[in-house]
N, C-alpha and C. Protein backbone atom coordinates (compact mmCIF):
# COMPACT_ATOMS: atom_id res chain seq x y z
N UNK A 1 93.14 35.63 38.57
CA UNK A 1 93.62 36.24 36.83
C UNK A 1 92.02 35.58 36.28
N UNK A 2 91.42 36.01 35.43
CA UNK A 2 90.49 35.08 34.88
C UNK A 2 90.67 35.11 33.56
N UNK A 3 90.47 34.03 32.97
CA UNK A 3 90.21 34.08 31.30
C UNK A 3 89.04 33.75 30.61
N UNK A 4 88.71 34.57 29.88
CA UNK A 4 87.24 34.38 28.88
C UNK A 4 87.72 33.91 27.72
N UNK A 5 86.64 32.97 27.14
CA UNK A 5 87.34 32.33 25.81
C UNK A 5 85.85 32.12 25.14
N UNK A 6 85.52 32.94 24.14
CA UNK A 6 84.44 32.59 23.46
C UNK A 6 84.22 31.84 22.12
N UNK A 7 83.16 31.38 21.97
CA UNK A 7 83.25 30.49 20.89
C UNK A 7 81.87 30.80 20.06
N UNK A 8 81.37 30.30 18.78
CA UNK A 8 80.64 30.44 17.84
C UNK A 8 79.94 31.14 17.41
N UNK A 9 81.19 31.88 16.77
CA UNK A 9 80.86 32.76 15.87
C UNK A 9 80.93 32.66 14.51
N UNK A 10 80.57 33.01 13.49
CA UNK A 10 80.90 32.59 12.12
C UNK A 10 79.76 33.68 11.00
N UNK A 11 79.48 33.02 10.04
CA UNK A 11 78.82 33.68 9.05
C UNK A 11 77.52 32.92 8.50
N UNK A 12 76.60 33.92 8.83
CA UNK A 12 75.13 33.88 8.44
C UNK A 12 74.57 34.47 7.76
N UNK A 13 73.45 33.90 7.25
CA UNK A 13 72.52 34.63 6.33
C UNK A 13 71.23 35.66 7.35
N UNK A 14 71.13 36.53 6.49
CA UNK A 14 69.82 37.64 7.06
C UNK A 14 68.99 36.56 7.30
N UNK A 15 68.37 37.17 9.27
CA UNK A 15 67.11 35.93 9.10
C UNK A 15 67.79 35.12 9.91
N UNK A 16 68.56 34.22 10.00
CA UNK A 16 69.62 33.25 10.47
C UNK A 16 69.88 33.19 12.25
N UNK A 17 70.58 32.41 12.80
CA UNK A 17 70.54 32.51 14.29
C UNK A 17 71.97 31.92 14.59
N UNK A 18 72.59 32.34 15.50
CA UNK A 18 73.77 31.93 15.92
C UNK A 18 73.76 31.52 17.52
N UNK A 19 74.20 30.96 17.91
CA UNK A 19 74.89 30.43 19.43
C UNK A 19 76.19 30.81 19.90
N UNK A 20 76.35 32.11 20.84
CA UNK A 20 77.57 32.51 21.04
C UNK A 20 77.34 31.63 22.71
N UNK A 21 78.87 31.12 22.82
CA UNK A 21 79.31 30.90 24.03
C UNK A 21 80.49 31.67 24.51
N UNK A 22 80.57 31.93 26.19
CA UNK A 22 81.67 32.58 26.27
C UNK A 22 82.38 31.38 27.75
N UNK A 23 83.12 30.83 28.10
CA UNK A 23 83.82 29.85 29.40
C UNK A 23 84.31 30.82 29.81
N UNK A 24 84.17 30.78 31.17
CA UNK A 24 85.12 31.82 32.24
C UNK A 24 85.93 30.08 33.02
N UNK A 25 87.18 30.52 33.12
CA UNK A 25 88.30 29.94 34.20
C UNK A 25 88.69 30.86 34.96
N UNK A 26 89.25 30.28 36.26
CA UNK A 26 90.30 30.87 37.00
C UNK A 26 89.52 31.20 37.73
N UNK A 27 90.13 32.68 38.78
CA UNK A 27 89.46 32.97 40.27
C UNK A 27 88.16 34.25 39.48
N UNK A 28 87.17 33.22 39.75
CA UNK A 28 86.13 33.95 39.23
C UNK A 28 85.28 34.24 40.32
N UNK A 29 85.47 33.23 41.16
CA UNK A 29 84.09 34.27 42.73
C UNK A 29 83.37 33.54 42.10
N UNK A 30 82.17 34.25 43.55
CA UNK A 30 80.98 33.26 43.60
C UNK A 30 79.79 34.52 43.00
N UNK A 31 79.95 36.01 43.25
CA UNK A 31 79.15 36.97 43.09
C UNK A 31 79.61 37.65 41.72
N UNK A 32 79.15 37.59 40.38
CA UNK A 32 79.92 37.90 38.88
C UNK A 32 78.70 38.56 37.99
N UNK A 33 78.84 39.38 37.38
CA UNK A 33 78.26 39.82 36.12
C UNK A 33 78.76 39.53 34.47
N UNK A 34 78.15 38.62 33.89
CA UNK A 34 78.58 38.92 32.92
C UNK A 34 77.84 39.53 31.46
N UNK A 35 78.53 40.04 30.74
CA UNK A 35 78.40 40.71 29.46
C UNK A 35 78.69 40.05 28.16
N UNK A 36 77.84 40.32 26.85
CA UNK A 36 78.28 40.83 25.81
C UNK A 36 78.50 41.93 25.24
N UNK A 37 79.33 42.23 24.75
CA UNK A 37 79.35 43.56 23.93
C UNK A 37 79.78 43.20 22.34
N UNK A 38 80.06 44.19 21.97
CA UNK A 38 79.99 43.73 20.41
C UNK A 38 80.59 45.58 19.71
N UNK A 39 81.45 45.26 18.93
CA UNK A 39 82.21 45.93 18.08
C UNK A 39 82.40 45.51 16.47
N UNK A 40 81.54 47.12 15.90
CA UNK A 40 81.77 46.74 14.18
C UNK A 40 82.69 47.71 14.02
N UNK A 41 83.24 47.86 12.62
CA UNK A 41 84.37 48.38 12.22
C UNK A 41 84.06 50.06 12.05
N UNK A 42 84.83 50.35 12.35
CA UNK A 42 84.99 52.06 13.28
C UNK A 42 83.60 52.51 13.66
N UNK A 43 83.35 51.33 14.70
CA UNK A 43 82.40 52.31 15.76
C UNK A 43 83.03 51.77 17.07
N UNK A 44 82.33 52.44 18.20
CA UNK A 44 82.61 52.14 19.26
C UNK A 44 81.90 50.69 19.75
N UNK A 45 82.61 50.40 20.90
CA UNK A 45 81.73 49.14 21.35
C UNK A 45 81.06 49.22 22.13
N UNK A 46 79.74 48.87 21.75
CA UNK A 46 78.44 48.64 22.57
C UNK A 46 78.06 47.29 23.33
N UNK A 47 77.47 47.94 24.57
CA UNK A 47 76.91 46.56 25.55
C UNK A 47 75.53 45.88 24.61
N UNK A 48 75.52 44.68 24.66
CA UNK A 48 74.73 44.36 23.85
C UNK A 48 73.66 43.64 25.12
N UNK A 49 73.93 42.72 25.97
CA UNK A 49 73.33 42.39 26.82
C UNK A 49 74.10 42.06 28.08
N UNK A 50 73.58 41.87 29.63
CA UNK A 50 73.87 41.62 30.96
C UNK A 50 73.20 40.23 31.16
N UNK A 51 73.88 40.08 32.14
CA UNK A 51 72.88 39.07 33.08
C UNK A 51 73.58 38.72 34.33
N UNK A 52 72.96 38.67 35.54
CA UNK A 52 73.53 38.49 37.01
C UNK A 52 73.99 37.46 37.77
N UNK A 53 74.17 37.47 38.47
CA UNK A 53 74.00 36.05 39.15
C UNK A 53 72.86 35.38 39.48
N UNK A 54 71.46 36.52 40.18
CA UNK A 54 70.39 36.13 39.91
C UNK A 54 69.75 35.49 38.91
N UNK A 55 70.20 36.19 37.50
CA UNK A 55 69.60 35.38 36.18
C UNK A 55 68.50 36.68 35.91
N UNK A 56 68.95 37.71 36.24
CA UNK A 56 68.07 39.07 35.66
C UNK A 56 69.57 39.57 34.29
N UNK A 57 68.49 40.15 33.63
CA UNK A 57 68.69 40.67 32.43
C UNK A 57 68.48 41.63 31.68
N UNK A 58 69.48 42.11 31.08
CA UNK A 58 69.00 43.68 30.21
C UNK A 58 69.64 43.30 28.92
N UNK A 59 68.73 44.22 27.82
CA UNK A 59 69.46 44.03 26.69
C UNK A 59 69.26 45.11 25.89
N UNK A 60 70.45 45.50 25.09
CA UNK A 60 70.63 46.98 24.31
C UNK A 60 69.02 46.88 23.19
N UNK A 61 68.02 48.04 23.34
CA UNK A 61 67.37 47.75 22.63
C UNK A 61 67.13 47.43 20.85
N UNK A 62 68.30 47.85 19.76
CA UNK A 62 68.68 46.87 19.57
C UNK A 62 68.11 45.44 19.20
N UNK A 63 68.50 44.36 19.99
CA UNK A 63 68.46 43.56 20.00
C UNK A 63 67.21 42.87 20.81
N UNK A 64 66.61 43.69 21.52
CA UNK A 64 65.58 42.86 22.02
C UNK A 64 64.13 42.32 21.26
N UNK A 65 63.86 41.41 22.09
CA UNK A 65 63.32 40.44 21.25
C UNK A 65 63.90 39.65 20.39
N UNK A 66 64.77 39.78 20.24
CA UNK A 66 65.79 38.76 19.25
C UNK A 66 66.56 37.74 19.81
N UNK A 67 67.24 38.60 20.65
CA UNK A 67 68.50 38.02 21.46
C UNK A 67 68.17 37.34 23.03
N UNK A 68 68.39 36.61 23.45
CA UNK A 68 68.63 35.82 24.59
C UNK A 68 69.95 35.56 25.58
N UNK A 69 69.95 36.18 26.43
CA UNK A 69 71.39 36.37 27.38
C UNK A 69 70.72 34.99 28.39
N UNK A 70 71.80 34.28 28.69
CA UNK A 70 71.55 33.19 29.94
C UNK A 70 73.23 32.56 30.21
N UNK A 71 72.95 31.84 31.65
CA UNK A 71 74.63 31.25 31.83
C UNK A 71 74.27 29.93 32.97
N UNK A 72 75.17 29.30 32.73
CA UNK A 72 74.92 28.19 32.97
C UNK A 72 76.28 28.04 34.25
N UNK A 73 75.93 28.63 35.78
CA UNK A 73 76.69 29.07 36.52
C UNK A 73 77.45 27.47 37.15
N UNK A 74 77.36 26.58 37.16
CA UNK A 74 77.88 25.43 37.31
C UNK A 74 78.78 25.16 36.40
N UNK A 75 79.04 25.22 34.80
CA UNK A 75 79.84 25.86 34.21
C UNK A 75 80.64 26.97 33.93
N UNK A 76 80.30 27.88 34.51
CA UNK A 76 80.81 28.87 34.57
C UNK A 76 80.88 29.50 32.91
N UNK A 77 79.65 29.44 32.11
CA UNK A 77 79.67 29.84 31.01
C UNK A 77 78.45 30.91 31.06
N UNK A 78 78.40 31.68 29.92
CA UNK A 78 77.59 32.33 29.53
C UNK A 78 77.19 32.56 28.04
N UNK A 79 76.13 32.44 27.57
CA UNK A 79 75.29 32.36 26.21
C UNK A 79 74.58 33.53 25.51
N UNK A 80 74.78 33.50 24.55
CA UNK A 80 73.91 34.37 23.71
C UNK A 80 73.26 34.09 22.78
N UNK A 81 72.49 33.70 22.49
CA UNK A 81 71.25 33.38 21.42
C UNK A 81 70.85 34.21 20.46
N UNK A 82 71.27 34.26 19.36
CA UNK A 82 70.83 35.46 18.23
C UNK A 82 70.01 35.01 17.47
N UNK A 83 68.71 35.65 17.41
CA UNK A 83 67.60 34.89 16.36
C UNK A 83 67.77 36.09 15.50
N UNK A 84 66.84 35.88 14.36
CA UNK A 84 66.52 36.38 13.44
C UNK A 84 67.70 37.88 12.83
N UNK A 85 68.58 37.59 12.62
CA UNK A 85 70.15 37.95 12.66
C UNK A 85 70.06 39.16 11.26
N UNK A 86 70.22 40.11 11.89
CA UNK A 86 70.81 41.31 10.70
C UNK A 86 71.64 41.80 10.19
N UNK A 87 71.81 42.34 8.89
CA UNK A 87 73.49 42.63 8.64
C UNK A 87 74.20 43.58 9.39
N UNK A 88 73.02 44.35 10.03
CA UNK A 88 73.70 45.63 11.34
C UNK A 88 73.95 44.98 12.57
N UNK A 89 74.22 43.63 12.26
CA UNK A 89 74.28 42.94 14.12
C UNK A 89 75.63 42.13 13.57
N UNK A 90 76.71 42.68 12.56
CA UNK A 90 77.86 41.87 12.01
C UNK A 90 78.76 43.09 13.08
N UNK A 91 79.89 42.03 13.82
CA UNK A 91 80.66 42.56 14.78
C UNK A 91 81.49 41.61 15.35
N UNK A 92 82.28 41.69 15.80
CA UNK A 92 82.89 41.21 16.78
C UNK A 92 82.30 41.30 18.25
N UNK A 93 81.97 39.92 18.88
CA UNK A 93 81.61 39.90 20.10
C UNK A 93 82.41 39.69 20.88
N UNK A 94 82.38 40.31 22.05
CA UNK A 94 83.14 39.75 23.38
C UNK A 94 82.62 39.96 23.97
N UNK A 95 82.69 38.66 25.30
CA UNK A 95 81.99 38.66 27.18
C UNK A 95 82.73 39.37 27.95
N UNK A 96 82.45 39.71 29.00
CA UNK A 96 83.33 40.11 29.64
C UNK A 96 82.54 39.51 31.12
N UNK A 97 83.43 39.92 32.20
CA UNK A 97 82.94 38.99 33.31
C UNK A 97 83.67 40.35 34.21
N UNK A 98 82.73 41.03 35.63
CA UNK A 98 83.15 41.60 36.47
C UNK A 98 82.83 41.06 37.73
N UNK A 99 83.67 41.04 38.39
CA UNK A 99 83.62 40.77 39.95
C UNK A 99 84.44 41.19 40.91
N UNK A 100 84.43 41.81 41.29
CA UNK A 100 84.34 43.51 40.41
C UNK A 100 85.14 44.00 39.63
N UNK A 101 86.35 43.53 39.06
CA UNK A 101 87.58 43.30 38.25
C UNK A 101 86.70 43.21 36.92
N UNK A 102 87.16 43.92 35.68
CA UNK A 102 86.87 43.51 34.65
C UNK A 102 87.49 42.51 33.67
N UNK A 103 87.26 41.27 33.59
CA UNK A 103 88.07 41.00 32.31
C UNK A 103 86.80 40.40 30.72
N UNK A 104 88.26 40.62 29.95
CA UNK A 104 87.58 40.41 28.59
C UNK A 104 87.92 39.26 27.84
N UNK A 105 86.94 38.55 27.04
CA UNK A 105 87.80 37.54 25.90
C UNK A 105 88.40 38.13 24.74
N UNK A 106 88.94 37.27 23.93
CA UNK A 106 89.46 37.85 22.36
C UNK A 106 88.49 38.31 21.48
N UNK A 107 86.81 37.62 21.71
CA UNK A 107 86.17 38.11 20.62
C UNK A 107 85.70 37.21 20.05
N UNK A 108 85.16 37.42 19.33
CA UNK A 108 84.55 36.51 18.22
C UNK A 108 83.84 36.96 17.16
N UNK A 109 84.15 36.82 16.04
CA UNK A 109 83.54 37.50 14.70
C UNK A 109 82.01 36.88 14.52
N UNK A 110 80.94 37.93 14.28
CA UNK A 110 79.94 37.47 13.42
C UNK A 110 79.28 38.44 12.35
N UNK A 111 79.14 37.58 10.87
CA UNK A 111 78.86 38.33 9.87
C UNK A 111 77.85 37.45 9.20
N UNK A 112 76.99 38.89 9.04
CA UNK A 112 75.75 38.49 8.63
C UNK A 112 75.36 39.05 7.37
N UNK A 113 75.59 38.22 6.41
CA UNK A 113 76.04 38.71 4.82
C UNK A 113 74.87 37.57 4.32
N UNK A 114 74.16 38.02 3.04
CA UNK A 114 73.60 37.22 2.01
C UNK A 114 74.66 36.63 1.15
């Protein structure tokens, strides 16, 4: 079993920044992919960013150039640095780990509003 705990969400003004963290514990394994998803009210959950074991990353077009995903393998933690936040970035953000079973965190809310 794997447990994922997100943190770092909150209320921020448009143009501001937040850094989300997701700490993994349990039987993680060596090779795994970690992702950040988000889900806004009334919308489907969407993939925001992915990072694999080798550090390769990919991003949704809507966040390219503004968000950065990174990971600290020693701490089994993945981060999402979010800059230049927009109101449309408001959502509950979830991290997931695939090894290849898929595990989810409980989510952390991000609200971008003036």
